[in-house]
N, C-alpha and C. Protein backbone atom coordinates (compact mmCIF):
# COMPACT_ATOMS: atom_id res chain seq x y z
N MET A 1 38.40 30.70 -11.32
CA MET A 1 38.28 29.16 -11.26
C MET A 1 39.65 28.72 -11.81
N ASP A 2 40.41 27.90 -10.88
CA ASP A 2 41.01 27.46 -11.74
C ASP A 2 41.00 26.59 -12.38
N ARG A 3 40.71 25.24 -12.00
CA ARG A 3 40.08 24.51 -13.36
C ARG A 3 38.55 23.31 -12.67
N ILE A 4 38.48 22.65 -14.27
CA ILE A 4 37.03 22.14 -13.69
C ILE A 4 37.29 20.82 -13.48
N ILE A 5 36.94 19.36 -12.30
CA ILE A 5 37.36 18.32 -12.05
C ILE A 5 36.24 17.67 -12.08
N ASP A 6 36.03 16.66 -13.45
CA ASP A 6 35.16 15.65 -13.59
C ASP A 6 35.02 14.52 -12.38
N VAL A 7 33.84 14.67 -11.92
CA VAL A 7 33.10 13.68 -10.68
C VAL A 7 32.45 12.72 -11.11
N ILE A 8 32.60 11.22 -11.10
CA ILE A 8 31.95 10.26 -11.00
C ILE A 8 30.92 10.23 -10.01
N ARG A 9 29.56 10.29 -10.73
CA ARG A 9 28.33 10.12 -9.57
C ARG A 9 28.55 9.05 -9.13
N ASP A 10 28.66 7.65 -8.63
CA ASP A 10 28.82 7.05 -7.94
C ASP A 10 30.00 7.29 -6.62
N ASP A 11 31.24 8.49 -7.10
CA ASP A 11 32.13 8.85 -6.33
C ASP A 11 31.56 9.49 -5.67
N ALA A 12 30.36 10.55 -5.78
CA ALA A 12 29.80 11.20 -5.17
C ALA A 12 28.91 11.46 -4.26
N VAL A 13 28.23 10.31 -5.04
CA VAL A 13 27.08 9.53 -3.83
C VAL A 13 28.27 8.83 -2.75
N ALA A 14 28.62 8.36 -2.79
CA ALA A 14 29.84 7.78 -1.70
C ALA A 14 30.44 8.58 -0.82
N THR A 15 30.74 9.48 -1.66
CA THR A 15 31.49 11.26 -0.90
C THR A 15 29.51 11.25 0.03
N THR A 16 29.07 11.75 -0.01
CA THR A 16 28.08 12.14 0.18
C THR A 16 27.92 11.47 1.50
N ARG A 17 27.74 10.30 1.08
CA ARG A 17 26.95 9.09 1.96
C ARG A 17 28.43 9.26 3.00
N LYS A 18 29.57 8.96 2.99
CA LYS A 18 30.76 9.16 3.66
C LYS A 18 30.56 10.51 4.80
N LEU A 19 29.91 11.59 4.05
CA LEU A 19 30.34 12.92 5.36
C LEU A 19 29.28 13.05 6.35
N ALA A 20 27.91 12.32 5.38
CA ALA A 20 26.96 11.83 6.62
C ALA A 20 27.63 11.09 7.69
N ILE A 21 28.35 9.87 7.30
CA ILE A 21 28.19 8.70 8.20
C ILE A 21 29.84 9.08 9.28
N GLU A 22 30.81 9.64 8.58
CA GLU A 22 31.64 10.02 9.57
C GLU A 22 31.67 11.71 10.52
N GLU A 23 31.50 11.83 8.63
CA GLU A 23 31.48 14.06 9.45
C GLU A 23 30.32 14.55 9.84
N GLY A 24 28.99 13.32 10.37
CA GLY A 24 27.79 13.95 10.76
C GLY A 24 27.11 15.81 9.51
N VAL A 25 27.94 15.42 8.05
CA VAL A 25 26.89 16.04 7.32
C VAL A 25 26.47 16.17 6.55
N PHE A 26 25.07 16.75 6.92
CA PHE A 26 24.05 15.64 5.92
C PHE A 26 23.79 16.48 4.63
N ALA A 27 24.12 16.30 3.55
CA ALA A 27 24.25 16.98 2.49
C ALA A 27 23.20 16.40 1.45
N GLU A 28 24.02 16.93 0.05
CA GLU A 28 23.04 16.62 -0.74
C GLU A 28 24.47 15.56 -2.09
N MET A 29 24.31 14.90 -3.10
CA MET A 29 24.93 14.48 -3.94
C MET A 29 25.75 16.19 -4.59
N SER A 30 25.76 17.22 -4.81
CA SER A 30 26.59 17.73 -4.96
C SER A 30 27.83 18.29 -4.43
N SER A 31 27.05 18.32 -3.49
CA SER A 31 28.15 18.85 -2.14
C SER A 31 29.19 17.86 -1.75
N GLY A 32 28.65 16.33 -2.05
CA GLY A 32 28.96 15.44 -1.85
C GLY A 32 30.85 15.38 -3.16
N GLY A 33 29.94 16.03 -4.52
CA GLY A 33 30.96 15.84 -5.69
C GLY A 33 31.81 17.20 -5.61
N ALA A 34 31.59 18.10 -5.04
CA ALA A 34 32.60 18.92 -4.15
C ALA A 34 33.26 18.87 -3.35
N MET A 35 32.95 18.24 -2.54
CA MET A 35 33.80 17.67 -1.14
C MET A 35 35.33 16.43 -2.29
N LEU A 36 34.87 15.89 -3.11
CA LEU A 36 35.58 14.78 -3.40
C LEU A 36 36.94 15.64 -4.43
N ALA A 37 36.29 16.55 -5.05
CA ALA A 37 36.79 17.02 -5.37
C ALA A 37 37.84 18.46 -4.86
N ALA A 38 37.74 18.76 -4.04
CA ALA A 38 38.83 19.22 -3.24
C ALA A 38 39.73 18.12 -2.43
N LEU A 39 39.54 17.56 -1.83
CA LEU A 39 39.75 16.66 -1.38
C LEU A 39 40.70 15.53 -2.37
N GLN A 40 40.46 15.79 -3.80
CA GLN A 40 41.64 15.05 -4.15
C GLN A 40 42.72 16.60 -4.57
N ILE A 41 41.82 17.81 -4.43
CA ILE A 41 42.72 18.56 -5.04
C ILE A 41 43.75 19.03 -3.67
N ALA A 42 43.32 18.54 -2.35
CA ALA A 42 44.27 18.83 -1.36
C ALA A 42 45.37 17.73 -1.29
N SER A 43 45.01 16.25 -1.67
CA SER A 43 46.22 15.19 -1.56
C SER A 43 47.15 15.88 -3.15
N GLU A 44 47.01 16.90 -4.15
CA GLU A 44 48.17 16.89 -4.54
C GLU A 44 49.27 18.00 -4.42
N GLU A 45 48.15 19.47 -3.76
CA GLU A 45 48.73 20.54 -3.33
C GLU A 45 49.15 20.07 -1.94
N LYS A 46 50.85 21.07 -1.57
CA LYS A 46 50.86 20.61 -0.15
C LYS A 46 51.00 21.81 0.23
N ASP A 47 50.73 22.25 1.57
CA ASP A 47 50.33 23.88 2.39
C ASP A 47 49.15 24.02 1.79
N ALA A 48 48.08 24.16 1.11
CA ALA A 48 47.19 24.77 0.21
C ALA A 48 45.95 24.78 1.50
N VAL A 49 45.39 25.87 1.64
CA VAL A 49 43.87 26.01 2.06
C VAL A 49 42.67 25.26 1.04
N ILE A 50 42.40 25.02 1.07
CA ILE A 50 41.28 24.38 -0.33
C ILE A 50 39.54 24.65 0.74
N VAL A 51 38.69 25.22 -0.42
CA VAL A 51 37.37 25.44 0.78
C VAL A 51 36.34 24.89 -0.39
N SER A 52 35.62 24.42 -0.10
CA SER A 52 34.41 23.60 -0.07
C SER A 52 33.17 24.25 0.52
N PHE A 53 32.04 24.06 -0.89
CA PHE A 53 30.83 24.34 0.10
C PHE A 53 29.89 23.87 0.02
N VAL A 54 29.28 23.27 0.95
CA VAL A 54 27.96 22.08 1.17
C VAL A 54 26.97 23.46 0.71
N CYS A 55 26.19 23.25 -0.36
CA CYS A 55 25.14 24.33 -0.29
C CYS A 55 23.42 23.95 -0.86
N ASP A 56 23.71 22.33 0.63
CA ASP A 56 21.84 21.84 0.01
C ASP A 56 21.93 20.75 1.24
N ARG A 57 20.97 21.06 2.39
CA ARG A 57 20.77 20.06 2.78
C ARG A 57 20.42 18.44 2.29
N GLY A 58 20.66 17.47 3.28
CA GLY A 58 20.42 16.31 2.73
C GLY A 58 18.63 15.67 2.55
N ASP A 59 17.65 16.30 3.64
CA ASP A 59 16.81 15.35 3.41
C ASP A 59 15.67 15.42 2.30
N ARG A 60 16.22 15.87 1.63
CA ARG A 60 14.70 17.01 0.09
C ARG A 60 15.75 15.18 -0.29
N TYR A 61 16.36 14.85 0.12
CA TYR A 61 17.13 13.15 -0.97
C TYR A 61 16.56 12.37 -0.35
N LEU A 62 16.19 12.48 1.25
CA LEU A 62 15.59 10.55 1.67
C LEU A 62 15.27 9.60 0.60
N MET A 63 13.88 9.87 0.22
CA MET A 63 13.36 9.35 -0.67
C MET A 63 13.72 8.55 -2.09
N SER A 64 15.04 9.47 -2.21
CA SER A 64 16.47 8.84 -3.52
C SER A 64 16.48 7.73 -3.12
N ASP A 65 17.90 7.15 -4.38
CA ASP A 65 18.84 6.38 -4.01
C ASP A 65 19.75 6.93 -3.28
N LEU A 66 19.83 7.78 -2.70
CA LEU A 66 21.67 8.42 -2.31
C LEU A 66 21.67 8.16 -0.82
N PHE A 67 20.82 8.01 0.02
CA PHE A 67 20.41 7.60 1.30
C PHE A 67 19.36 6.43 1.26
């Protein structure tokens, strides 16, 4: 691990929804937060390979405010 990036809940939710709408990746909020951090790193690093895992599916969160 190189560093820890704090992610605001609302930003993680927005990224999770964006993943579902734009990329067809139906995940949960921690995956959205991880992707947001990966995108932040990608914007800072040139010619880097960034890996982010989507480790849960979104269907368990349909009744929450996430979707």
